Amino acid sequence: MKLALYYPWLYLRSGGERTISEIVTRSRHSWTIFTHRYDREATFESLKTADIVELGQPISVKRTMLHAFQGACRIAVEKLPLEQYDALLVMCDGLGDLITLRNRQLPVFCYCFTPLRIVFDDHYQQVYLHRNGNGFLRRSAVRLGGAAFAAVDRMVWKNYRRIFAVSDEIRQRIVRGNLRQASDIDVLYPGMTPISRTGSPVYEKYFFLPGRIMWTKNIELGIDAFKLFCRKRPDLADFSLQISGFVDQKSKPYLASLRERAADEPRIRFSESPSDEELFSQYARCYAILCTPFNEDWGLTPIEAMAYSKPAIAVNRGGYLESIVNGKTGMLVPPEASAFCQAMEALADHPDDVQTMGHHAQERLSLFTWEKFCQQLDTTLEQECGFAPAGERTTSPAALGVSRI
């Protein structure tokens, strides 16, 4: 099959770009990526060999309401050259659905990282208003603008033949938003290819907080928890905190605020936009990882940690509830500095438990592989488009290996 994929922007090394990279690399079909913004040097090396078509004037990646509105209008009027393709897969993290308004002449599918969070994620909306001012005008703009967007989004979601959700958290978010019913949605978890059968036997004494450095990742929580850890346990002075992740231009002020917040604790280190090799080396050597986002859609960081047999301390909300088995492959705790501190103390005091959790985490990785992901994606697209007998279609939770674990 010859397939088209649309994603508004390829400009980071984040979960969205990594998922697209794995699809075009591993799929048994031919893919062309259409996008309104492509930063060749900032995203994954593997995408440099992909068939990528840029669509005129780039869409801004700024997340102000004005820029989001301008981007939405641009996407809504775009007509893609789809005459030679068998299907279109839209990678959605908010605005991408609007591309279906003028591009539904062939089967259209959705891989949903999340519906637009400011509209469909109550936790996100609450934190956004708290950070940016909860005044009457802003609240009214969010409420009225959100209602208008939701009405349009519910209309365009009808254009999808079938939907893949990155997690059950997102499937529920789609259903709660009245976008589609649960029976139209398959949960298809992104993955991680195992590095080895035994993971990493190295457990250096530093907690690792990886991932994009942006406000939705709530990195303040990790900093505050580690500073509390330092105050409470001077006997554990050989532990440190390593924060590493990609930083785009709009998040530079956020990074500066984090550095200021951590300035009085020399054991907190930052690594800005490390290469994949540097990042995975830090995974391999760390003691355990911290996962601080307030309501993660899925979260690749615990999966990447599993590949190196490292346990995670994570917020007990969102996609982490699906990937982490509390007490066995990691620890799920409330999003409070005291709770994270207590969990770090428990792991620091019991290194044998860390290795046992790491072992179980590495075993659990078999549920989340890119091979399984691409096989299920390819098979479902073939069956829905008539390239395989309908009777062979399998979408049960057991076959997906993902929905109820």
Protein backbone atom coordinates (compact mmCIF):
# COMPACT_ATOMS: atom_id res chain seq x y z
CA MET A 1 0.00 0.00 0.00
CA LYS A 2 1.01 3.59 -0.60
CA LEU A 3 0.05 5.62 2.46
CA ALA A 4 0.03 9.30 3.39
CA LEU A 5 0.69 10.54 6.91
CA TYR A 6 -0.11 14.04 8.16
CA TYR A 7 1.39 15.69 11.26
CA PRO A 8 1.38 19.50 11.61
CA TRP A 9 5.00 19.75 12.72
CA LEU A 10 8.20 17.71 12.78
CA TYR A 11 10.55 19.88 14.78
CA LEU A 12 11.42 18.02 18.00
CA ARG A 13 12.78 14.75 19.30
CA SER A 14 9.62 13.91 21.23
CA GLY A 15 7.20 11.01 21.35
CA GLY A 16 5.26 12.16 18.28
CA GLU A 17 8.28 12.38 16.01
CA ARG A 18 9.72 9.15 17.38
CA THR A 19 6.47 7.30 16.67
CA ILE A 20 6.39 8.62 13.10
CA SER A 21 10.03 7.65 12.62
CA GLU A 22 9.31 4.10 13.75
CA ILE A 23 6.27 3.82 11.46
CA VAL A 24 8.06 4.86 8.28
CA THR A 25 11.12 2.77 9.18
CA ARG A 26 9.39 -0.48 10.20
CA SER A 27 6.13 -0.57 8.24
CA ARG A 28 5.81 -2.97 5.32
CA HIS A 29 4.14 -0.17 3.33
CA SER A 30 5.37 2.97 1.59
CA TRP A 31 4.77 6.27 3.45
CA THR A 32 4.85 9.94 2.53
CA ILE A 33 4.79 12.43 5.40
CA PHE A 34 2.97 15.73 4.87
CA THR A 35 3.69 18.50 7.37
CA HIS A 36 3.46 22.26 7.76
CA ARG A 37 6.80 22.51 9.58
CA TYR A 38 9.92 20.37 9.27
CA ASP A 39 13.13 21.18 11.13
CA ARG A 40 15.55 18.69 9.64
CA GLU A 41 18.34 19.27 12.14
CA ALA A 42 16.23 19.38 15.31
CA THR A 43 14.37 16.10 14.95
CA PHE A 44 15.44 12.46 14.63
CA GLU A 45 18.22 11.49 12.24
CA SER A 46 16.12 8.63 10.86
CA LEU A 47 13.58 11.09 9.45
CA LYS A 48 16.20 12.58 7.13
CA THR A 49 15.75 9.63 4.77
CA ALA A 50 11.93 9.68 4.90
CA ASP A 51 9.74 11.01 2.09
CA ILE A 52 8.66 14.34 3.60
CA VAL A 53 6.61 17.03 1.87
CA GLU A 54 6.49 20.50 3.45
CA LEU A 55 3.26 22.40 2.85
CA GLY A 56 4.10 26.02 2.17
CA GLN A 57 4.34 28.58 4.98
CA PRO A 58 5.26 26.91 8.31
CA ILE A 59 2.70 26.84 11.11
CA SER A 60 3.86 28.48 14.33
CA VAL A 61 4.68 26.14 17.21
CA LYS A 62 3.77 28.78 19.78
CA ARG A 63 0.89 27.74 22.02
CA THR A 64 -0.86 31.10 22.46
CA MET A 65 -4.56 31.18 21.63
CA LEU A 66 -3.90 33.48 18.67
CA HIS A 67 -1.20 31.27 17.14
CA ALA A 68 -3.31 28.16 17.74
CA PHE A 69 -6.26 29.80 15.95
CA GLN A 70 -4.08 30.83 13.00
CA GLY A 71 -2.63 27.32 12.78
CA ALA A 72 -6.08 25.74 12.93
CA CYS A 73 -7.32 27.92 10.07
CA ARG A 74 -4.28 27.05 7.98
CA ILE A 75 -4.73 23.30 8.52
CA ALA A 76 -8.47 23.45 7.84
CA VAL A 77 -8.07 24.90 4.33
CA GLU A 78 -5.11 22.72 3.23
CA LYS A 79 -5.73 20.38 0.28
CA LEU A 80 -3.26 17.50 0.14
CA PRO A 81 -2.22 15.84 -3.16
CA LEU A 82 -3.60 12.41 -2.29
CA GLU A 83 -4.52 11.05 -5.74
CA GLN A 84 -1.85 8.33 -5.69
CA TYR A 85 -2.44 7.12 -2.12
CA ASP A 86 -4.54 4.33 -0.64
CA ALA A 87 -5.24 5.94 2.76
CA LEU A 88 -4.38 8.87 5.01
CA LEU A 89 -3.23 8.53 8.62
CA VAL A 90 -3.56 11.71 10.70
CA MET A 91 -1.31 11.94 13.75
CA CYS A 92 -3.37 14.01 16.15
CA ASP A 93 -2.27 15.94 19.23
CA GLY A 94 -4.91 18.63 18.98
CA LEU A 95 -5.25 20.48 15.68
CA GLY A 96 -4.39 17.80 13.12
CA ASP A 97 -7.99 16.56 12.82
CA LEU A 98 -8.87 19.70 10.86
CA ILE A 99 -6.89 18.40 7.87
CA THR A 100 -9.80 16.02 7.20
CA LEU A 101 -12.14 18.88 6.24
CA ARG A 102 -10.74 18.95 2.70
CA ASN A 103 -9.06 15.53 2.58
CA ARG A 104 -11.60 12.78 3.05
CA GLN A 105 -11.85 11.40 -0.50
CA LEU A 106 -9.98 8.26 0.59
CA PRO A 107 -10.05 6.21 3.83
CA VAL A 108 -8.85 8.41 6.72
CA PHE A 109 -7.51 7.06 10.01
CA CYS A 110 -6.33 8.74 13.20
CA TYR A 111 -3.50 7.96 15.56
CA CYS A 112 -4.36 10.11 18.55
CA PHE A 113 -1.70 11.22 21.02
CA THR A 114 -4.43 13.37 22.61
CA PRO A 115 -7.37 15.52 21.58
CA LEU A 116 -6.64 19.23 22.12
CA ARG A 117 -5.71 19.28 25.80
CA ILE A 118 -6.85 22.79 26.68
CA VAL A 119 -10.36 21.67 25.61
CA PHE A 120 -10.56 17.98 26.50
CA ASP A 121 -8.17 17.54 29.48
CA ASP A 122 -9.49 19.09 32.68
CA HIS A 123 -6.15 18.70 34.51
CA TYR A 124 -4.32 20.50 31.72
CA GLN A 125 -6.86 23.33 31.68
CA GLN A 126 -6.62 23.81 35.44
CA VAL A 127 -2.82 23.96 35.41
CA TYR A 128 -2.81 26.25 32.36
CA LEU A 129 -5.12 28.76 34.05
CA HIS A 130 -3.16 28.57 37.31
CA ARG A 131 0.12 29.31 35.49
CA ASN A 132 -1.20 31.99 33.14
CA GLY A 133 -3.77 33.79 35.26
CA ASN A 134 -7.20 32.65 36.24
CA GLY A 135 -8.97 35.95 35.62
CA PHE A 136 -12.46 36.34 34.22
CA LEU A 137 -11.37 37.27 30.70
CA ARG A 138 -8.95 34.36 30.33
CA ARG A 139 -11.37 31.87 31.82
CA SER A 140 -14.12 33.13 29.51
CA ALA A 141 -11.84 32.92 26.47
CA VAL A 142 -10.84 29.35 27.33
CA ARG A 143 -14.44 28.34 27.99
CA LEU A 144 -15.99 29.96 24.90
CA GLY A 145 -13.10 29.17 22.58
CA GLY A 146 -13.04 25.60 23.86
CA ALA A 147 -16.76 25.14 23.28
CA ALA A 148 -16.46 26.42 19.71
CA PHE A 149 -13.48 24.22 18.93
CA ALA A 150 -15.13 21.16 20.50
CA ALA A 151 -18.18 21.62 18.26
CA VAL A 152 -16.00 21.70 15.14
CA ASP A 153 -13.79 18.86 16.35
CA ARG A 154 -16.77 16.58 16.99
CA MET A 155 -17.81 17.16 13.40
CA VAL A 156 -14.41 16.40 11.85
CA TRP A 157 -13.87 13.29 13.98
CA LYS A 158 -16.75 11.73 12.03
CA ASN A 159 -14.38 11.64 9.03
CA TYR A 160 -12.22 8.92 10.58
CA ARG A 161 -12.83 5.34 9.53
CA ARG A 162 -11.02 4.05 12.61
CA ILE A 163 -9.01 5.55 15.46
CA PHE A 164 -5.89 4.36 17.27
CA ALA A 165 -5.32 5.83 20.73
CA VAL A 166 -1.88 6.04 22.32
CA SER A 167 -3.30 4.77 25.63
CA ASP A 168 -6.52 3.88 27.39
CA GLU A 169 -6.27 7.28 29.10
CA ILE A 170 -6.61 8.87 25.65
CA ARG A 171 -9.37 6.50 24.58
CA GLN A 172 -11.35 7.58 27.63
CA ARG A 173 -10.55 11.24 26.92
CA ILE A 174 -11.92 10.82 23.39
CA VAL A 175 -15.09 9.19 24.68
CA ARG A 176 -15.60 11.76 27.47
CA GLY A 177 -15.26 14.51 24.88
CA ASN A 178 -18.05 12.94 22.79
CA LEU A 179 -15.68 12.69 19.83
CA ARG A 180 -16.25 8.98 19.10
CA GLN A 181 -17.54 5.92 20.90
CA ALA A 182 -15.18 3.42 22.49
CA SER A 183 -15.93 0.66 19.96
CA ASP A 184 -14.39 2.81 17.19
CA ILE A 185 -11.06 3.08 19.01
CA ASP A 186 -8.15 0.64 19.30
CA VAL A 187 -5.50 1.24 21.96
CA LEU A 188 -2.10 0.91 20.34
CA TYR A 189 0.81 1.57 22.66
CA PRO A 190 4.10 2.94 21.29
CA GLY A 191 7.09 0.89 22.24
CA MET A 192 10.79 0.45 22.72
CA THR A 193 13.05 -2.13 21.13
CA PRO A 194 14.88 -4.10 23.86
CA ILE A 195 18.54 -3.13 24.11
CA SER A 196 19.53 -6.51 25.49
CA ARG A 197 17.98 -9.48 27.22
CA THR A 198 19.42 -8.44 30.57
CA GLY A 199 19.07 -4.63 30.54
CA SER A 200 21.78 -2.60 32.27
CA PRO A 201 23.50 -3.89 35.43
CA VAL A 202 24.81 -0.40 36.29
CA TYR A 203 23.05 1.62 39.01
CA GLU A 204 24.97 4.81 39.63
CA LYS A 205 23.68 6.99 42.41
CA TYR A 206 21.64 9.54 40.51
CA PHE A 207 17.96 9.90 39.85
CA PHE A 208 17.19 10.65 36.22
CA LEU A 209 14.41 12.96 34.99
CA PRO A 210 14.31 12.61 31.17
CA GLY A 211 11.95 13.94 28.51
CA ARG A 212 11.05 17.21 26.87
CA ILE A 213 11.72 20.23 29.04
CA MET A 214 8.44 22.14 28.92
CA TRP A 215 5.87 23.26 31.45
CA THR A 216 3.50 20.31 30.95
CA LYS A 217 6.23 17.99 32.26
CA ASN A 218 5.99 19.59 35.72
CA ILE A 219 9.74 19.34 36.29
CA GLU A 220 9.44 21.64 39.30
CA LEU A 221 8.04 18.64 41.17
CA GLY A 222 11.24 16.63 40.64
CA ILE A 223 13.45 19.55 41.68
CA ASP A 224 11.45 20.27 44.84
CA ALA A 225 11.31 16.58 45.76
CA PHE A 226 15.06 16.14 45.37
CA LYS A 227 15.84 19.26 47.38
CA LEU A 228 13.61 17.88 50.14
CA PHE A 229 15.44 14.55 49.82
CA CYS A 230 18.76 16.38 50.32
CA ARG A 231 17.51 18.17 53.42
CA LYS A 232 15.98 15.09 55.02
CA ARG A 233 18.78 12.65 54.25
CA PRO A 234 22.25 14.18 54.57
CA ASP A 235 23.52 10.60 54.89
CA LEU A 236 22.63 10.10 51.20
CA ALA A 237 24.80 12.96 49.96
CA ASP A 238 26.26 10.79 47.19
CA PHE A 239 22.95 10.90 45.27
CA SER A 240 22.26 13.53 42.61
CA LEU A 241 19.51 14.48 40.15
CA GLN A 242 20.11 14.59 36.39
CA ILE A 243 17.53 16.47 34.27
CA SER A 244 17.88 15.89 30.50
CA GLY A 245 15.68 16.70 27.56
CA PHE A 246 15.03 18.58 24.36
CA VAL A 247 14.28 22.31 24.73
CA ASP A 248 12.65 24.26 21.91
CA GLN A 249 12.76 28.04 21.68
CA LYS A 250 9.43 28.70 23.38
CA SER A 251 10.51 26.64 26.41
CA LYS A 252 13.79 28.49 27.00
CA PRO A 253 12.22 30.75 29.67
CA TYR A 254 10.84 27.68 31.44
CA LEU A 255 14.30 26.09 31.48
CA ALA A 256 15.75 29.32 32.90
CA SER A 257 13.17 29.25 35.70
CA LEU A 258 14.09 25.64 36.49
CA ARG A 259 17.79 26.48 36.67
CA GLU A 260 17.00 29.32 39.04
CA ARG A 261 14.84 27.04 41.16
CA ALA A 262 17.68 24.52 41.43
CA ALA A 263 20.51 27.05 41.82
CA ASP A 264 20.96 26.45 45.54
CA GLU A 265 21.47 22.69 45.11
CA PRO A 266 24.70 21.81 43.26
CA ARG A 267 23.72 18.14 43.02
CA ILE A 268 21.03 18.99 40.43
CA ARG A 269 22.46 18.92 36.91
CA PHE A 270 20.91 19.82 33.54
CA SER A 271 21.64 18.43 30.09
CA GLU A 272 19.96 20.48 27.37
CA SER A 273 18.92 18.70 24.15
CA PRO A 274 21.24 15.69 24.47
CA SER A 275 21.77 13.34 21.54
CA ASP A 276 20.04 9.96 21.60
CA GLU A 277 23.35 8.33 22.47
CA GLU A 278 23.86 10.64 25.45
CA LEU A 279 20.27 10.20 26.61
CA PHE A 280 20.34 6.42 26.48
CA SER A 281 23.72 6.36 28.22
CA GLN A 282 22.14 8.30 31.07
CA TYR A 283 19.26 5.80 31.20
CA ALA A 284 21.74 2.92 31.30
CA ARG A 285 23.72 4.33 34.23
CA CYS A 286 21.00 5.87 36.41
CA TYR A 287 19.59 4.49 39.67
CA ALA A 288 15.91 5.12 38.86
CA ILE A 289 13.90 7.60 36.82
CA LEU A 290 11.38 10.26 37.84
CA CYS A 291 8.19 10.86 35.83
CA THR A 292 6.60 14.14 36.93
CA PRO A 293 4.01 15.27 34.29
CA PHE A 294 0.70 16.11 35.92
CA ASN A 295 -1.43 14.01 33.53
CA GLU A 296 0.71 12.26 30.92
CA ASP A 297 -1.10 10.97 27.84
CA TRP A 298 1.11 7.86 27.71
CA GLY A 299 4.76 8.65 28.34
CA LEU A 300 7.67 6.91 26.63
CA THR A 301 10.16 7.57 29.41
CA PRO A 302 9.09 4.61 31.64
CA ILE A 303 9.19 2.36 28.56
CA GLU A 304 12.69 3.53 27.66
CA ALA A 305 13.73 2.97 31.28
CA MET A 306 12.38 -0.60 31.10
CA ALA A 307 14.84 -1.31 28.29
CA TYR A 308 17.64 -0.58 30.75
CA SER A 309 16.00 -2.40 33.69
CA LYS A 310 15.42 0.78 35.67
CA PRO A 311 12.34 1.37 37.89
CA ALA A 312 10.30 4.56 37.73
CA ILE A 313 8.80 6.84 40.35
CA ALA A 314 5.79 8.38 38.63
CA VAL A 315 2.68 10.46 39.21
CA ASN A 316 -0.29 8.16 39.85
CA ARG A 317 -2.36 9.52 36.99
CA GLY A 318 -2.73 9.23 33.21
CA GLY A 319 -0.81 6.79 31.04
CA TYR A 320 1.58 5.85 33.83
CA LEU A 321 -1.22 3.82 35.41
CA GLU A 322 -1.08 1.57 32.33
CA SER A 323 2.67 1.15 31.85
CA ILE A 324 3.90 0.90 35.45
CA VAL A 325 2.91 -1.85 37.89
CA ASN A 326 3.00 -0.18 41.29
CA GLY A 327 5.40 -1.87 43.68
CA LYS A 328 6.68 -4.25 41.01
CA THR A 329 8.19 -2.23 38.15
CA GLY A 330 8.12 1.13 39.87
CA MET A 331 6.23 3.34 42.31
CA LEU A 332 3.09 5.37 41.59
CA VAL A 333 2.70 8.30 44.01
CA PRO A 334 0.68 11.51 44.35
CA PRO A 335 2.07 14.58 42.52
CA GLU A 336 3.57 16.00 45.71
CA ALA A 337 7.21 16.69 46.59
CA SER A 338 6.87 14.83 49.89
CA ALA A 339 5.53 11.69 48.18
CA PHE A 340 8.30 11.68 45.57
CA CYS A 341 10.88 12.29 48.28
CA GLN A 342 9.60 9.38 50.32
CA ALA A 343 9.75 7.10 47.28
CA MET A 344 13.32 8.19 46.49
CA GLU A 345 14.33 7.49 50.09
CA ALA A 346 12.79 4.03 49.91
CA LEU A 347 14.73 3.15 46.77
CA ALA A 348 17.98 4.69 48.03
CA ASP A 349 17.71 2.65 51.26
CA HIS A 350 16.96 -0.64 49.48
CA PRO A 351 19.22 -1.15 46.43
CA ASP A 352 18.17 -4.80 46.19
CA ASP A 353 14.58 -3.68 45.62
CA VAL A 354 15.76 -1.32 42.90
CA GLN A 355 17.41 -4.16 41.02
CA THR A 356 14.40 -6.45 41.51
CA MET A 357 12.02 -3.78 40.20
CA GLY A 358 14.39 -3.13 37.32
CA HIS A 359 14.39 -6.81 36.43
CA HIS A 360 10.58 -6.92 36.41
CA ALA A 361 10.48 -3.70 34.38
CA GLN A 362 12.79 -5.18 31.75
CA GLU A 363 10.55 -8.25 31.50
CA ARG A 364 7.47 -6.06 31.08
CA LEU A 365 9.03 -4.37 28.06
CA SER A 366 7.87 -7.29 25.90
CA LEU A 367 4.37 -5.80 26.02
CA PHE A 368 5.54 -2.55 24.42
CA THR A 369 7.60 -3.06 21.29
CA TRP A 370 7.75 -1.16 18.01
CA GLU A 371 7.51 -4.46 16.15
CA LYS A 372 4.15 -5.20 17.76
CA PHE A 373 3.00 -1.62 17.22
CA CYS A 374 3.79 -1.54 13.49
CA GLN A 375 2.45 -5.04 12.87
CA GLN A 376 -0.93 -4.12 14.36
CA LEU A 377 -1.03 -0.77 12.58
CA ASP A 378 -0.20 -2.30 9.19
CA THR A 379 -2.67 -5.15 9.62
CA THR A 380 -5.57 -2.92 10.65
CA LEU A 381 -4.97 -0.47 7.79
CA GLU A 382 -4.83 -3.35 5.30
CA GLN A 383 -8.04 -4.88 6.56
CA GLU A 384 -9.96 -1.61 6.74
CA CYS A 385 -8.85 -0.69 3.20
CA GLY A 386 -9.69 -4.09 1.75
CA PHE A 387 -6.14 -5.36 1.38
CA ALA A 388 -6.78 -8.35 3.69
CA PRO A 389 -9.81 -10.57 4.37
CA ALA A 390 -12.14 -8.92 6.87
CA GLY A 391 -12.36 -12.16 8.84
CA GLU A 392 -8.68 -11.87 9.75
CA ARG A 393 -9.17 -8.58 11.59
CA THR A 394 -8.23 -8.86 15.25
CA THR A 395 -8.75 -5.95 17.61
CA SER A 396 -9.32 -7.67 20.92
CA PRO A 397 -7.33 -6.46 23.92
CA ALA A 398 -5.45 -9.75 23.98
CA ALA A 399 -4.45 -9.47 20.32
CA LEU A 400 -3.39 -5.86 20.73
CA GLY A 401 -1.47 -6.88 23.81
CA VAL A 402 -2.21 -3.50 25.25
CA SER A 403 -5.69 -2.60 26.42
CA ARG A 404 -6.03 -4.28 29.79
CA ILE A 405 -2.75 -4.99 31.55
